[in-house]
Amino acid sequence: MAALNTTVVGLTGSTVTYTPASGGGDTCETGAGVVLLVKNGDASSHTVTLATPGVVDGDLAVADRAVTVAAGAERAIPVTGRYRNPSTGRAAITYDAVTSVTVAVLRVPAL
């Protein structure tokens, strides 16, 4: 898995730099104000999945978050602390395919 860098958005704005989604998945920072931006330039829709490492009642797994990104569309997906893997401190992201899919991670300051 590739570690995505987080762009911290300054009060005067920031340039967003997209990178190709990794076939083996990516990881990113989690927390308040963190957003995963996904651009799908493919002719088919793609599904982005954020692993949810938590459990309920000690043994019931919480379902992962699957988000469909339509062909030619962009989606912004909040990456809250709920997706933080306790062993890595980062969210694990996978894709059903990465053809023409680019991603960026932003952290917007709380005002």
N, C-alpha and C. Protein backbone atom coordinates (compact mmCIF):
# COMPACT_ATOMS: atom_id res chain seq x y z
N MET A 1 0.84 -1.18 0.00
CA MET A 1 0.00 0.00 0.00
C MET A 1 0.88 1.24 0.00
N ALA A 2 0.48 2.20 -0.80
CA ALA A 2 1.22 3.46 -0.86
C ALA A 2 0.65 4.44 0.16
N ALA A 3 1.52 5.19 0.80
CA ALA A 3 1.10 6.19 1.79
C ALA A 3 0.85 7.51 1.07
N LEU A 4 -0.40 7.96 1.07
CA LEU A 4 -0.74 9.23 0.44
C LEU A 4 -0.35 10.38 1.35
N ASN A 5 0.21 11.42 0.78
CA ASN A 5 0.55 12.63 1.54
C ASN A 5 -0.70 13.47 1.71
N THR A 6 -0.77 14.18 2.82
CA THR A 6 -1.90 15.06 3.12
C THR A 6 -1.50 16.49 2.84
N THR A 7 -2.34 17.18 2.08
CA THR A 7 -2.16 18.61 1.85
C THR A 7 -2.97 19.35 2.91
N VAL A 8 -2.28 20.15 3.72
CA VAL A 8 -2.97 20.95 4.72
C VAL A 8 -3.40 22.25 4.04
N VAL A 9 -4.69 22.49 4.03
CA VAL A 9 -5.23 23.66 3.35
C VAL A 9 -5.04 24.88 4.24
N GLY A 10 -4.30 25.85 3.72
CA GLY A 10 -4.08 27.09 4.45
C GLY A 10 -5.28 28.02 4.33
N LEU A 11 -5.29 29.04 5.12
CA LEU A 11 -6.42 29.98 5.12
C LEU A 11 -6.51 30.75 3.81
N THR A 12 -5.43 30.80 3.04
CA THR A 12 -5.47 31.47 1.74
C THR A 12 -5.66 30.48 0.60
N GLY A 13 -5.91 29.20 0.94
CA GLY A 13 -6.13 28.17 -0.08
C GLY A 13 -4.86 27.38 -0.34
N SER A 14 -5.01 26.28 -1.04
CA SER A 14 -3.89 25.41 -1.37
C SER A 14 -4.11 24.77 -2.73
N THR A 15 -3.03 24.41 -3.37
CA THR A 15 -3.09 23.67 -4.63
C THR A 15 -3.30 22.20 -4.32
N VAL A 16 -4.22 21.57 -5.03
CA VAL A 16 -4.50 20.15 -4.84
C VAL A 16 -3.70 19.37 -5.87
N THR A 17 -2.90 18.42 -5.40
CA THR A 17 -2.11 17.57 -6.29
C THR A 17 -2.65 16.15 -6.21
N TYR A 18 -3.13 15.65 -7.33
CA TYR A 18 -3.66 14.29 -7.40
C TYR A 18 -2.54 13.33 -7.81
N THR A 19 -2.61 12.10 -7.27
CA THR A 19 -1.69 11.04 -7.65
C THR A 19 -2.50 9.83 -8.10
N PRO A 20 -1.92 8.98 -8.94
CA PRO A 20 -2.66 7.78 -9.36
C PRO A 20 -2.95 6.87 -8.16
N ALA A 21 -4.14 6.31 -8.12
CA ALA A 21 -4.50 5.34 -7.09
C ALA A 21 -3.63 4.10 -7.29
N SER A 22 -3.20 3.50 -6.18
CA SER A 22 -2.33 2.32 -6.25
C SER A 22 -3.16 1.04 -6.35
N GLY A 23 -2.75 0.15 -7.24
CA GLY A 23 -3.46 -1.11 -7.43
C GLY A 23 -3.54 -1.94 -6.17
N GLY A 24 -2.54 -1.85 -5.30
CA GLY A 24 -2.54 -2.59 -4.04
C GLY A 24 -3.20 -1.84 -2.91
N GLY A 25 -3.75 -0.66 -3.20
CA GLY A 25 -4.41 0.16 -2.20
C GLY A 25 -3.50 1.26 -1.69
N ASP A 26 -4.06 2.14 -0.90
CA ASP A 26 -3.34 3.27 -0.33
C ASP A 26 -3.67 3.39 1.14
N THR A 27 -2.89 4.20 1.84
CA THR A 27 -3.21 4.57 3.22
C THR A 27 -3.18 6.08 3.31
N CYS A 28 -3.90 6.62 4.30
CA CYS A 28 -3.86 8.06 4.50
C CYS A 28 -4.12 8.40 5.95
N GLU A 29 -3.83 9.64 6.28
CA GLU A 29 -4.10 10.20 7.60
C GLU A 29 -5.60 10.15 7.86
N THR A 30 -5.98 10.15 9.12
CA THR A 30 -7.40 10.22 9.49
C THR A 30 -7.60 11.39 10.45
N GLY A 31 -8.84 11.74 10.68
CA GLY A 31 -9.13 12.74 11.70
C GLY A 31 -10.10 13.80 11.23
N ALA A 32 -10.38 14.73 12.12
CA ALA A 32 -11.31 15.82 11.82
C ALA A 32 -10.77 16.67 10.68
N GLY A 33 -11.58 16.93 9.70
CA GLY A 33 -11.20 17.78 8.58
C GLY A 33 -10.43 17.08 7.48
N VAL A 34 -10.20 15.75 7.59
CA VAL A 34 -9.47 15.02 6.55
C VAL A 34 -10.46 14.50 5.52
N VAL A 35 -10.15 14.76 4.24
CA VAL A 35 -11.03 14.37 3.15
C VAL A 35 -10.20 13.70 2.05
N LEU A 36 -10.70 12.55 1.56
CA LEU A 36 -10.10 11.87 0.42
C LEU A 36 -10.86 12.33 -0.82
N LEU A 37 -10.14 12.92 -1.78
CA LEU A 37 -10.74 13.32 -3.05
C LEU A 37 -10.42 12.24 -4.08
N VAL A 38 -11.44 11.79 -4.80
CA VAL A 38 -11.26 10.74 -5.79
C VAL A 38 -11.80 11.24 -7.12
N LYS A 39 -10.95 11.22 -8.16
CA LYS A 39 -11.35 11.57 -9.52
C LYS A 39 -11.36 10.30 -10.35
N ASN A 40 -12.48 10.02 -10.98
CA ASN A 40 -12.59 8.84 -11.83
C ASN A 40 -12.68 9.30 -13.28
N GLY A 41 -11.56 9.19 -14.01
CA GLY A 41 -11.54 9.57 -15.41
C GLY A 41 -11.87 8.42 -16.34
N ASP A 42 -12.26 7.28 -15.79
CA ASP A 42 -12.57 6.09 -16.58
C ASP A 42 -13.99 6.17 -17.14
N ALA A 43 -14.28 5.31 -18.10
CA ALA A 43 -15.62 5.24 -18.69
C ALA A 43 -16.56 4.38 -17.84
N SER A 44 -16.04 3.74 -16.81
CA SER A 44 -16.84 2.91 -15.92
C SER A 44 -16.78 3.47 -14.50
N SER A 45 -17.82 3.19 -13.72
CA SER A 45 -17.78 3.60 -12.32
C SER A 45 -16.80 2.71 -11.56
N HIS A 46 -16.29 3.22 -10.43
CA HIS A 46 -15.38 2.45 -9.59
C HIS A 46 -15.79 2.60 -8.14
N THR A 47 -15.45 1.59 -7.33
CA THR A 47 -15.78 1.61 -5.91
C THR A 47 -14.51 1.79 -5.10
N VAL A 48 -14.56 2.75 -4.18
CA VAL A 48 -13.48 3.01 -3.24
C VAL A 48 -13.95 2.49 -1.89
N THR A 49 -13.10 1.71 -1.21
CA THR A 49 -13.49 1.14 0.07
C THR A 49 -12.51 1.57 1.16
N LEU A 50 -13.06 2.11 2.24
CA LEU A 50 -12.26 2.45 3.42
C LEU A 50 -12.53 1.37 4.46
N ALA A 51 -11.45 0.73 4.93
CA ALA A 51 -11.59 -0.32 5.93
C ALA A 51 -11.99 0.30 7.27
N THR A 52 -12.92 -0.35 7.94
CA THR A 52 -13.35 0.08 9.26
C THR A 52 -12.85 -0.96 10.26
N PRO A 53 -11.78 -0.63 11.01
CA PRO A 53 -11.17 -1.64 11.88
C PRO A 53 -11.91 -1.89 13.19
N GLY A 54 -12.97 -1.16 13.46
CA GLY A 54 -13.65 -1.27 14.74
C GLY A 54 -14.58 -2.46 14.85
N VAL A 55 -14.94 -2.76 16.10
CA VAL A 55 -15.93 -3.79 16.40
C VAL A 55 -16.94 -3.22 17.40
N VAL A 56 -18.10 -3.86 17.43
CA VAL A 56 -19.17 -3.49 18.36
C VAL A 56 -19.40 -4.69 19.28
N ASP A 57 -19.66 -4.43 20.54
CA ASP A 57 -19.90 -5.49 21.52
C ASP A 57 -18.74 -6.48 21.61
N GLY A 58 -17.56 -6.02 21.28
CA GLY A 58 -16.37 -6.84 21.45
C GLY A 58 -16.04 -7.81 20.34
N ASP A 59 -17.04 -8.16 19.49
CA ASP A 59 -16.73 -9.16 18.46
C ASP A 59 -17.49 -8.98 17.14
N LEU A 60 -18.36 -7.98 17.04
CA LEU A 60 -19.11 -7.77 15.80
C LEU A 60 -18.39 -6.75 14.94
N ALA A 61 -17.88 -7.19 13.80
CA ALA A 61 -17.14 -6.30 12.91
C ALA A 61 -18.06 -5.22 12.33
N VAL A 62 -17.53 -4.01 12.24
CA VAL A 62 -18.24 -2.91 11.61
C VAL A 62 -17.96 -3.00 10.11
N ALA A 63 -18.99 -2.88 9.31
CA ALA A 63 -18.83 -2.99 7.85
C ALA A 63 -17.93 -1.88 7.32
N ASP A 64 -17.14 -2.21 6.29
CA ASP A 64 -16.31 -1.21 5.63
C ASP A 64 -17.19 -0.22 4.88
N ARG A 65 -16.65 0.97 4.62
CA ARG A 65 -17.37 2.01 3.88
C ARG A 65 -17.02 1.88 2.40
N ALA A 66 -18.00 1.57 1.56
CA ALA A 66 -17.80 1.48 0.12
C ALA A 66 -18.50 2.66 -0.53
N VAL A 67 -17.76 3.40 -1.37
CA VAL A 67 -18.29 4.58 -2.04
C VAL A 67 -18.10 4.41 -3.54
N THR A 68 -19.19 4.52 -4.28
CA THR A 68 -19.12 4.42 -5.73
C THR A 68 -18.84 5.78 -6.33
N VAL A 69 -17.87 5.83 -7.24
CA VAL A 69 -17.54 7.06 -7.95
C VAL A 69 -17.92 6.83 -9.41
N ALA A 70 -18.90 7.55 -9.88
CA ALA A 70 -19.41 7.37 -11.24
C ALA A 70 -18.34 7.70 -12.27
N ALA A 71 -18.52 7.19 -13.47
CA ALA A 71 -17.60 7.46 -14.58
C ALA A 71 -17.52 8.96 -14.81
N GLY A 72 -16.29 9.48 -14.89
CA GLY A 72 -16.08 10.90 -15.15
C GLY A 72 -16.40 11.82 -13.98
N ALA A 73 -16.65 11.25 -12.80
CA ALA A 73 -17.06 12.06 -11.65
C ALA A 73 -15.95 12.19 -10.62
N GLU A 74 -16.20 13.07 -9.65
CA GLU A 74 -15.32 13.25 -8.50
C GLU A 74 -16.15 13.07 -7.24
N ARG A 75 -15.53 12.52 -6.19
CA ARG A 75 -16.20 12.38 -4.89
C ARG A 75 -15.25 12.85 -3.81
N ALA A 76 -15.80 13.46 -2.78
CA ALA A 76 -15.05 13.83 -1.58
C ALA A 76 -15.56 12.93 -0.46
N ILE A 77 -14.65 12.19 0.18
CA ILE A 77 -15.02 11.21 1.19
C ILE A 77 -14.34 11.60 2.51
N PRO A 78 -15.11 11.90 3.57
CA PRO A 78 -14.50 12.21 4.86
C PRO A 78 -13.77 10.98 5.41
N VAL A 79 -12.58 11.19 5.96
CA VAL A 79 -11.80 10.10 6.53
C VAL A 79 -11.63 10.40 8.02
N THR A 80 -12.68 10.13 8.77
CA THR A 80 -12.69 10.41 10.21
C THR A 80 -11.82 9.42 10.96
N GLY A 81 -11.64 9.66 12.23
CA GLY A 81 -10.87 8.78 13.07
C GLY A 81 -11.44 7.38 13.17
N ARG A 82 -12.68 7.21 12.77
CA ARG A 82 -13.34 5.89 12.78
C ARG A 82 -12.59 4.89 11.89
N TYR A 83 -11.88 5.40 10.87
CA TYR A 83 -11.17 4.53 9.92
C TYR A 83 -9.71 4.30 10.31
N ARG A 84 -9.28 4.85 11.43
CA ARG A 84 -7.89 4.74 11.87
C ARG A 84 -7.58 3.32 12.33
N ASN A 85 -6.63 2.70 11.66
CA ASN A 85 -6.18 1.37 12.05
C ASN A 85 -5.27 1.54 13.27
N PRO A 86 -5.58 0.89 14.40
CA PRO A 86 -4.77 1.11 15.60
C PRO A 86 -3.31 0.68 15.45
N SER A 87 -3.02 -0.26 14.57
CA SER A 87 -1.63 -0.71 14.43
C SER A 87 -0.80 0.18 13.52
N THR A 88 -1.44 0.89 12.58
CA THR A 88 -0.68 1.74 11.66
C THR A 88 -0.94 3.23 11.90
N GLY A 89 -2.07 3.55 12.52
CA GLY A 89 -2.44 4.94 12.72
C GLY A 89 -2.99 5.61 11.47
N ARG A 90 -3.25 4.82 10.43
CA ARG A 90 -3.71 5.37 9.15
C ARG A 90 -4.93 4.59 8.66
N ALA A 91 -5.67 5.18 7.72
CA ALA A 91 -6.80 4.51 7.09
C ALA A 91 -6.28 3.67 5.92
N ALA A 92 -6.88 2.50 5.73
CA ALA A 92 -6.56 1.64 4.59
C ALA A 92 -7.64 1.81 3.53
N ILE A 93 -7.20 2.09 2.29
CA ILE A 93 -8.12 2.37 1.19
C ILE A 93 -7.83 1.38 0.06
N THR A 94 -8.89 0.77 -0.48
CA THR A 94 -8.73 -0.10 -1.64
C THR A 94 -9.68 0.35 -2.74
N TYR A 95 -9.40 -0.12 -3.95
CA TYR A 95 -10.17 0.27 -5.13
C TYR A 95 -10.52 -1.00 -5.91
N ASP A 96 -11.72 -1.02 -6.52
CA ASP A 96 -12.06 -2.19 -7.33
C ASP A 96 -11.23 -2.23 -8.61
N ALA A 97 -10.75 -1.08 -9.06
CA ALA A 97 -9.85 -0.95 -10.20
C ALA A 97 -9.25 0.45 -10.12
N VAL A 98 -8.11 0.65 -10.75
CA VAL A 98 -7.45 1.95 -10.64
C VAL A 98 -7.26 2.64 -11.99
N THR A 99 -7.84 2.08 -13.04
CA THR A 99 -7.73 2.68 -14.36
C THR A 99 -8.28 4.10 -14.34
N SER A 100 -7.44 5.07 -14.62
CA SER A 100 -7.81 6.49 -14.70
C SER A 100 -8.37 7.04 -13.38
N VAL A 101 -7.99 6.45 -12.24
CA VAL A 101 -8.43 6.94 -10.94
C VAL A 101 -7.26 7.65 -10.28
N THR A 102 -7.50 8.91 -9.87
CA THR A 102 -6.49 9.67 -9.15
C THR A 102 -7.08 10.12 -7.82
N VAL A 103 -6.19 10.32 -6.85
CA VAL A 103 -6.64 10.65 -5.50
C VAL A 103 -5.79 11.75 -4.88
N ALA A 104 -6.37 12.43 -3.90
CA ALA A 104 -5.65 13.43 -3.12
C ALA A 104 -6.26 13.43 -1.73
N VAL A 105 -5.45 13.79 -0.74
CA VAL A 105 -5.94 13.88 0.64
C VAL A 105 -5.71 15.30 1.12
N LEU A 106 -6.78 15.89 1.66
CA LEU A 106 -6.71 17.26 2.19
C LEU A 106 -7.09 17.25 3.67
N ARG A 107 -6.49 18.15 4.41
CA ARG A 107 -6.93 18.41 5.78
C ARG A 107 -7.27 19.89 5.85
N VAL A 108 -8.54 20.15 6.16
CA VAL A 108 -9.03 21.51 6.25
C VAL A 108 -9.01 21.94 7.72
N PRO A 109 -8.45 23.11 8.01
CA PRO A 109 -8.37 23.51 9.42
C PRO A 109 -9.75 23.81 10.00
N ALA A 110 -9.90 23.47 11.27
CA ALA A 110 -11.12 23.82 11.98
C ALA A 110 -11.00 25.26 12.43
N LEU A 111 -12.01 26.04 12.17
CA LEU A 111 -11.96 27.46 12.54
C LEU A 111 -12.77 27.74 13.77
